[in-house]
N, C-alpha and C. Protein backbone atom coordinates (compact mmCIF):
# COMPACT_ATOMS: atom_id res chain seq x y z
N MET A 1 0.56 -1.18 0.05
CA MET A 1 0.08 0.32 -0.08
C MET A 1 0.62 1.41 -0.20
N ILE A 2 0.76 2.39 -0.59
CA ILE A 2 1.43 3.47 -0.78
C ILE A 2 1.33 4.08 0.33
N VAL A 3 0.57 4.32 1.00
CA VAL A 3 0.97 4.97 2.42
C VAL A 3 1.86 4.55 3.30
N MET A 4 1.97 3.32 3.45
CA MET A 4 3.01 2.69 4.41
C MET A 4 4.60 2.92 3.54
N LYS A 5 4.45 3.25 2.05
CA LYS A 5 5.82 3.43 1.85
C LYS A 5 6.27 4.79 2.16
N ILE A 6 5.29 5.80 2.60
CA ILE A 6 5.88 6.98 2.85
C ILE A 6 6.55 7.03 4.09
N SER A 7 7.74 7.47 4.60
CA SER A 7 8.30 7.78 5.85
C SER A 7 7.81 8.75 6.90
N ASN A 8 7.80 8.15 8.21
CA ASN A 8 7.37 9.29 9.08
C ASN A 8 8.11 10.45 8.79
N GLU A 9 9.43 10.58 8.83
CA GLU A 9 10.38 11.53 8.49
C GLU A 9 9.64 12.73 7.31
N ILE A 10 9.66 12.00 6.30
CA ILE A 10 8.88 13.00 5.14
C ILE A 10 7.96 13.45 5.35
N LEU A 11 6.33 12.68 6.38
CA LEU A 11 5.36 13.10 6.25
C LEU A 11 5.61 14.23 7.65
N GLY A 12 6.57 14.26 8.63
CA GLY A 12 6.76 15.36 9.64
C GLY A 12 7.13 16.49 9.12
N THR A 13 8.30 16.45 8.11
CA THR A 13 8.90 17.67 7.41
C THR A 13 7.90 18.19 6.62
N VAL A 14 6.75 17.65 5.90
CA VAL A 14 6.08 18.41 4.98
C VAL A 14 4.74 19.01 6.08
N TYR A 15 4.52 18.30 7.18
CA TYR A 15 4.09 18.70 8.47
C TYR A 15 4.29 20.11 8.90
N ILE A 16 5.69 19.89 9.21
CA ILE A 16 6.28 21.27 9.74
C ILE A 16 6.15 22.24 9.01
N VAL A 17 6.86 21.96 7.69
CA VAL A 17 6.90 23.27 6.51
C VAL A 17 5.43 23.72 6.32
N SER A 18 4.56 23.22 6.09
CA SER A 18 3.13 23.72 5.89
C SER A 18 2.62 24.31 7.08
N TYR A 19 2.97 23.85 8.41
CA TYR A 19 2.44 24.43 9.67
C TYR A 19 3.30 26.09 9.44
N LEU A 20 4.34 25.96 9.46
CA LEU A 20 5.33 27.34 9.32
C LEU A 20 4.94 28.39 8.26
N CYS A 21 4.58 27.84 6.98
CA CYS A 21 3.91 28.51 6.22
C CYS A 21 2.46 29.02 6.41
N LEU A 22 1.56 28.38 6.92
CA LEU A 22 0.13 28.54 7.28
C LEU A 22 0.69 30.03 8.59
N LEU A 23 1.39 29.26 9.26
CA LEU A 23 1.72 31.13 10.26
C LEU A 23 2.24 32.22 10.14
N TYR A 24 3.01 31.80 8.99
CA TYR A 24 3.59 33.26 8.19
C TYR A 24 2.26 33.75 7.32
N CYS A 25 1.42 32.96 6.99
CA CYS A 25 0.47 33.60 6.20
C CYS A 25 -0.88 34.17 7.13
N LEU A 26 -0.99 33.47 8.04
CA LEU A 26 -1.96 34.14 9.23
C LEU A 26 -1.20 35.38 9.90
N TRP A 27 0.01 35.50 9.96
CA TRP A 27 0.51 36.71 10.57
C TRP A 27 0.56 37.74 9.41
N LEU A 28 0.92 37.61 8.52
CA LEU A 28 0.55 38.83 7.13
C LEU A 28 -0.70 38.99 7.27
N TRP A 29 -1.92 38.08 7.57
CA TRP A 29 -3.54 38.37 7.82
C TRP A 29 -3.73 39.66 8.69
N ASN A 30 -3.43 39.04 9.96
CA ASN A 30 -3.54 39.58 11.16
C ASN A 30 -3.05 39.80 12.48
N GLY A 31 -1.39 39.78 12.10
CA GLY A 31 -0.35 39.45 13.04
C GLY A 31 -0.47 40.42 14.03
N LEU A 32 -0.82 41.67 13.70
CA LEU A 32 -0.31 42.63 14.66
C LEU A 32 -1.14 42.58 15.98
N ALA A 33 -2.44 42.42 15.64
CA ALA A 33 -3.90 42.29 16.37
C ALA A 33 -3.37 40.86 17.66
N PHE A 34 -3.00 40.06 16.54
CA PHE A 34 -2.63 38.52 17.28
C PHE A 34 -1.70 39.17 18.83
N LEU A 35 -0.58 39.63 18.13
CA LEU A 35 0.37 40.23 19.09
C LEU A 35 0.21 40.96 20.40
N LEU A 36 -1.03 42.25 19.82
CA LEU A 36 -1.73 42.92 21.14
C LEU A 36 -2.51 42.00 22.01
N LEU A 37 -3.34 41.03 21.63
CA LEU A 37 -3.77 40.12 22.24
C LEU A 37 -3.12 39.17 23.09
N THR A 38 -2.04 38.73 22.68
CA THR A 38 -0.80 38.11 23.74
C THR A 38 -0.40 38.76 24.65
N PHE A 39 0.02 40.09 24.45
CA PHE A 39 0.40 41.15 25.46
C PHE A 39 -0.87 41.19 26.60
N ILE A 40 -1.94 41.42 26.03
CA ILE A 40 -3.15 41.55 26.93
C ILE A 40 -3.38 40.41 27.76
N PHE A 41 -3.32 39.20 27.30
CA PHE A 41 -3.64 38.17 28.31
C PHE A 41 -2.69 37.18 28.27
N TRP A 42 -1.28 37.93 28.69
CA TRP A 42 -0.52 37.05 29.37
C TRP A 42 0.08 36.17 28.49
N GLY A 43 0.16 36.03 26.97
CA GLY A 43 0.83 35.00 26.43
C GLY A 43 -0.08 33.82 26.40
N ILE A 44 -1.21 33.95 26.72
CA ILE A 44 -2.59 32.86 26.92
C ILE A 44 -2.91 32.31 25.16
N PRO A 45 -2.52 33.48 24.44
CA PRO A 45 -3.04 33.19 22.88
C PRO A 45 -2.01 32.35 22.27
N LEU A 46 -0.80 32.41 22.91
CA LEU A 46 0.42 31.47 22.28
C LEU A 46 0.15 30.17 22.39
N LEU A 47 -0.59 29.86 23.32
CA LEU A 47 -0.97 28.14 23.39
C LEU A 47 -1.86 27.58 22.59
N ILE A 48 -2.44 28.33 21.40
CA ILE A 48 -3.54 28.22 20.44
C ILE A 48 -2.39 27.94 19.47
N ILE A 49 -1.17 28.72 19.30
CA ILE A 49 -0.32 28.79 18.30
C ILE A 49 0.45 27.39 18.51
N ILE A 50 1.03 27.35 19.67
CA ILE A 50 1.74 25.97 20.13
C ILE A 50 1.05 24.62 20.27
N LEU A 51 -0.42 24.47 20.33
CA LEU A 51 -1.17 23.08 20.61
C LEU A 51 -0.92 22.64 19.35
N PRO A 52 -0.79 22.96 18.26
CA PRO A 52 -0.84 22.43 16.78
C PRO A 52 0.49 21.57 16.87
N LEU A 53 1.50 22.67 17.16
CA LEU A 53 3.12 21.66 16.89
C LEU A 53 2.88 20.25 17.91
N LEU A 54 1.88 19.93 18.74
CA LEU A 54 2.02 18.86 19.16
C LEU A 54 1.71 17.90 18.33
N GLY A 55 0.89 17.96 17.38
CA GLY A 55 0.66 17.09 16.12
C GLY A 55 1.77 16.18 15.78
N ILE A 56 3.50 17.08 15.96
CA ILE A 56 4.48 16.23 15.27
C ILE A 56 4.14 14.75 16.11
N TRP A 57 3.52 14.54 17.23
CA TRP A 57 3.09 13.23 17.91
C TRP A 57 2.72 12.12 16.97
N ILE A 58 1.83 13.02 15.78
CA ILE A 58 1.23 11.79 14.94
C ILE A 58 2.10 10.59 14.38
N PHE A 59 3.52 11.41 14.38
CA PHE A 59 4.29 10.46 13.57
C PHE A 59 5.08 9.42 14.01
N THR A 60 4.69 9.20 15.35
CA THR A 60 5.48 8.26 16.73
C THR A 60 4.55 6.81 16.68
N ASN A 61 5.49 6.04 17.20
CA ASN A 61 4.56 4.56 17.39
C ASN A 61 3.72 4.71 18.46
N LEU A 62 3.95 5.42 19.59
CA LEU A 62 2.97 5.32 20.58
C LEU A 62 1.02 5.68 20.27
N LYS A 63 0.22 5.17 20.30
CA LYS A 63 -1.11 5.11 20.14
C LYS A 63 -1.96 6.47 20.36
N SER A 64 -1.70 6.46 22.06
CA SER A 64 -2.10 7.62 22.73
C SER A 64 -1.51 9.16 22.56
N LEU A 65 -0.19 9.22 21.92
CA LEU A 65 0.29 10.56 21.70
C LEU A 65 -0.29 10.35 20.18
N VAL A 66 -0.68 9.44 19.18
CA VAL A 66 -1.03 9.76 18.05
C VAL A 66 -2.09 10.03 17.84
N LEU A 67 -3.27 9.80 18.89
CA LEU A 67 -4.67 10.41 19.14
C LEU A 67 -4.62 11.34 19.48
N ILE A 68 -3.80 12.13 20.69
CA ILE A 68 -3.65 13.56 20.75
C ILE A 68 -3.02 14.68 19.78
N GLY A 69 -2.08 13.82 19.29
CA GLY A 69 -1.39 14.77 18.03
C GLY A 69 -2.45 14.96 17.06
N TYR A 70 -3.21 14.13 16.63
CA TYR A 70 -4.43 14.38 15.68
C TYR A 70 -5.06 15.55 16.26
N VAL A 71 -5.96 14.98 17.50
CA VAL A 71 -6.86 16.05 17.70
C VAL A 71 -6.31 17.51 18.19
N ALA A 72 -5.21 17.64 18.44
CA ALA A 72 -4.35 18.96 18.66
C ALA A 72 -3.91 19.58 17.02
N SER A 73 -3.83 18.98 16.17
CA SER A 73 -3.57 19.48 14.59
C SER A 73 -4.92 19.74 14.20
N LEU A 74 -5.94 19.29 14.76
CA LEU A 74 -7.54 19.42 14.07
C LEU A 74 -8.09 21.19 14.46
N LEU A 75 -7.00 21.53 15.34
CA LEU A 75 -7.34 23.23 15.72
C LEU A 75 -7.55 24.16 14.74
N ASN A 76 -6.48 23.56 13.49
CA ASN A 76 -6.23 24.44 12.26
C ASN A 76 -7.24 24.61 11.74
N SER A 77 -8.06 23.54 11.98
CA SER A 77 -9.54 23.51 10.96
C SER A 77 -10.45 25.09 11.22
N TYR A 78 -9.86 25.68 12.55
CA TYR A 78 -10.87 26.79 12.67
C TYR A 78 -10.36 28.04 11.54
N CYS A 79 -9.01 28.10 11.34
CA CYS A 79 -8.66 29.24 10.86
C CYS A 79 -9.18 28.84 9.22
N LEU A 80 -9.16 27.78 8.66
CA LEU A 80 -9.44 27.00 7.33
C LEU A 80 -10.96 27.71 7.38
N TYR A 81 -11.64 27.41 8.43
CA TYR A 81 -13.10 27.65 8.59
C TYR A 81 -13.40 29.39 8.31
N LEU A 82 -12.70 30.27 9.26
CA LEU A 82 -12.53 31.61 8.85
C LEU A 82 -12.69 32.00 7.65
N VAL A 83 -11.45 31.64 6.84
CA VAL A 83 -11.05 31.89 5.71
C VAL A 83 -11.86 31.71 4.56
N LEU A 84 -12.66 30.43 4.63
CA LEU A 84 -13.55 30.26 3.60
C LEU A 84 -14.78 30.92 4.06
N ARG A 85 -15.31 31.25 5.00
CA ARG A 85 -16.38 31.89 5.48
C ARG A 85 -16.45 33.48 4.82
N ASN A 86 -15.12 34.03 4.76
CA ASN A 86 -15.17 35.45 4.10
C ASN A 86 -13.46 35.39 3.41
N PHE A 87 -14.10 34.86 2.09
CA PHE A 87 -12.82 34.65 0.99
C PHE A 87 -12.00 35.84 1.08
N HIS A 88 -12.64 37.16 0.53
CA HIS A 88 -11.79 37.95 0.16
C HIS A 88 -11.44 38.59 2.21
N LEU A 89 -10.38 38.21 2.58
CA LEU A 89 -9.82 38.79 3.70
C LEU A 89 -9.83 40.11 3.70
N GLU A 90 -10.12 40.82 4.85
CA GLU A 90 -9.59 42.25 5.19
C GLU A 90 -9.14 42.40 6.47
N ARG A 91 -8.29 43.61 6.60
CA ARG A 91 -7.83 44.16 7.75
C ARG A 91 -8.40 45.21 8.25
N ILE A 92 -8.70 45.28 9.61
CA ILE A 92 -9.06 46.27 10.17
C ILE A 92 -7.87 47.27 10.36
N THR A 93 -8.31 48.43 9.40
CA THR A 93 -6.94 49.71 10.22
C THR A 93 -7.05 50.73 11.15
N ASP A 94 -8.28 51.02 11.77
CA ASP A 94 -8.23 51.89 12.84
C ASP A 94 -9.38 51.47 13.66
N THR A 95 -9.56 52.27 14.90
CA THR A 95 -10.85 51.74 15.90
C THR A 95 -11.89 52.37 15.36
N ALA A 96 -11.82 53.33 14.15
CA ALA A 96 -13.32 53.30 13.78
C ALA A 96 -14.09 52.27 12.75
N GLY A 97 -13.14 51.26 12.42
CA GLY A 97 -13.59 49.59 11.95
C GLY A 97 -13.50 49.80 10.40
N GLN A 98 -12.58 50.96 9.91
CA GLN A 98 -12.56 51.14 8.69
C GLN A 98 -11.61 49.71 8.25
N LYS A 99 -11.78 49.26 6.94
CA LYS A 99 -11.17 47.75 6.60
C LYS A 99 -10.62 48.31 5.19
N ILE A 100 -9.46 47.36 4.83
CA ILE A 100 -8.89 47.27 3.90
C ILE A 100 -8.66 45.76 3.17
N PRO A 101 -8.89 45.98 1.99
CA PRO A 101 -9.18 44.19 1.16
C PRO A 101 -7.42 43.86 1.14
N LEU A 102 -7.51 42.64 1.45
CA LEU A 102 -6.30 42.10 1.32
C LEU A 102 -6.17 41.53 -0.06
N SER A 103 -4.86 40.88 -0.71
CA SER A 103 -4.43 40.53 -1.87
C SER A 103 -5.54 38.87 -1.83
N PRO A 104 -6.14 38.44 -2.98
CA PRO A 104 -6.78 37.35 -2.43
C PRO A 104 -6.08 36.15 -2.79
N TRP A 105 -4.90 35.89 -2.91
CA TRP A 105 -4.05 35.36 -2.86
C TRP A 105 -3.15 34.67 -1.80
N LEU A 106 -3.65 35.74 -0.98
CA LEU A 106 -3.24 35.44 0.69
C LEU A 106 -4.16 34.64 1.27
N SER A 107 -5.65 34.55 0.77
CA SER A 107 -6.74 33.69 0.95
C SER A 107 -6.07 32.72 0.65
N VAL A 108 -6.13 32.58 -0.48
CA VAL A 108 -5.61 31.27 -1.39
C VAL A 108 -4.26 30.28 -0.69
N ALA A 109 -3.48 30.95 -0.33
CA ALA A 109 -2.54 30.52 0.40
C ALA A 109 -2.76 29.73 1.77
N ILE A 110 -3.46 30.54 2.27
CA ILE A 110 -3.88 30.10 3.83
C ILE A 110 -5.04 28.71 3.86
N ILE A 111 -5.67 28.94 2.28
CA ILE A 111 -6.56 27.62 2.10
C ILE A 111 -5.48 26.31 1.89
N VAL A 112 -4.86 26.62 0.92
CA VAL A 112 -3.84 25.60 0.55
C VAL A 112 -2.94 25.03 1.60
N PHE A 113 -2.14 25.98 2.57
CA PHE A 113 -1.42 25.30 3.57
C PHE A 113 -2.32 24.79 4.48
N ALA A 114 -3.53 24.89 4.98
CA ALA A 114 -4.48 24.76 6.10
C ALA A 114 -4.86 23.17 5.23
N CYS A 115 -5.17 22.90 4.02
CA CYS A 115 -5.40 21.94 3.60
C CYS A 115 -4.49 20.92 3.59
N LEU A 116 -3.14 21.46 3.30
CA LEU A 116 -1.82 20.59 3.00
C LEU A 116 -1.80 20.09 4.56
N PHE A 117 -1.75 21.03 5.77
CA PHE A 117 -1.42 20.49 6.82
C PHE A 117 -2.51 19.44 7.39
N LEU A 118 -3.75 19.59 7.34
CA LEU A 118 -4.71 18.79 7.66
C LEU A 118 -4.50 17.59 7.14
N SER A 119 -4.59 17.48 5.98
CA SER A 119 -4.59 16.20 5.02
C SER A 119 -2.87 15.44 5.21
N VAL A 120 -1.91 16.07 5.71
CA VAL A 120 -1.04 15.37 6.21
C VAL A 120 -0.97 14.72 7.58
N ALA A 121 -1.86 15.65 8.81
CA ALA A 121 -2.19 14.98 9.76
C ALA A 121 -3.05 13.62 9.74
N THR A 122 -4.32 13.99 8.65
CA THR A 122 -5.12 13.04 8.51
C THR A 122 -4.26 11.44 8.11
N LEU A 123 -3.42 11.89 6.95
CA LEU A 123 -2.66 10.78 6.31
C LEU A 123 -1.57 10.10 7.52
N GLY A 124 -1.30 10.78 8.22
CA GLY A 124 -0.17 10.36 9.23
C GLY A 124 -1.16 9.36 10.50
N PHE A 125 -2.14 9.98 10.89
CA PHE A 125 -3.26 9.52 11.75
C PHE A 125 -3.64 7.92 11.18
N TYR A 126 -3.70 7.82 9.76
CA TYR A 126 -4.29 6.73 9.18
C TYR A 126 -3.19 5.80 9.24
N LYS A 127 -1.98 6.25 8.86
CA LYS A 127 -0.66 5.33 9.04
C LYS A 127 -0.65 4.85 10.21
N ASN A 128 -0.35 5.31 11.20
CA ASN A 128 -0.03 5.33 12.93
C ASN A 128 -0.91 4.90 13.70
N PHE A 129 -2.02 5.03 13.42
CA PHE A 129 -3.11 4.65 14.28
C PHE A 129 -4.13 3.75 14.15
N ILE A 130 -4.53 3.70 12.70
CA ILE A 130 -5.91 3.34 12.01
C ILE A 130 -5.09 1.85 11.46
N PHE A 131 -4.17 2.10 10.62
CA PHE A 131 -3.60 1.00 9.61
C PHE A 131 -3.29 0.13 10.24
N PRO A 132 -2.58 -0.07 11.56
CA PRO A 132 -1.84 -0.86 12.55
C PRO A 132 -3.14 -1.99 12.86
N PHE A 133 -4.44 -1.31 12.91
CA PHE A 133 -5.12 -2.35 13.10
C PHE A 133 -5.76 -3.47 11.97
N PHE A 134 -5.76 -2.54 11.45
CA PHE A 134 -6.03 -3.60 9.95
C PHE A 134 -4.91 -4.77 9.53
N LYS A 135 -3.90 -4.34 10.12
CA LYS A 135 -2.35 -5.13 9.91
C LYS A 135 -2.44 -6.19 11.11
N LYS A 136 -3.02 -6.21 12.27
CA LYS A 136 -2.84 -7.18 13.09
C LYS A 136 -4.13 -8.28 13.12
N ASN A 137 -5.07 -7.74 12.22
CA ASN A 137 -6.34 -8.57 12.01
C ASN A 137 -5.86 -9.61 10.73
N GLU A 138 -5.05 -9.54 9.96
CA GLU A 138 -4.52 -10.47 8.91
C GLU A 138 -3.92 -11.40 9.03
């Protein structure tokens, strides 16, 4: 089967690169507001950013860590939902609520990187959690 031929190292590398690219795109969208919220709430919003990095546990052999990692990686589906709901992203420029439209390529990049991230996480979950159950029954 083709899934078993892909190594966990390759999947982990694609996972990390897609997550870093997604974070960069999200920073371009609304990074300064996130930084302000981080200072106001004593760094708690940084936990939201760090939790999907626990998804690297998907590529281990311990079943409990694979499950925790997959659930942690699903947190990024929320940003995908936000971008799909408001495809042409806008940035609020002042306290009066005036908005400027951003490039549609930023929306497309966020969608592509989030889908790549979630598909690699799902592929790793299937390879390291579900597929071994089928292999034991054979």
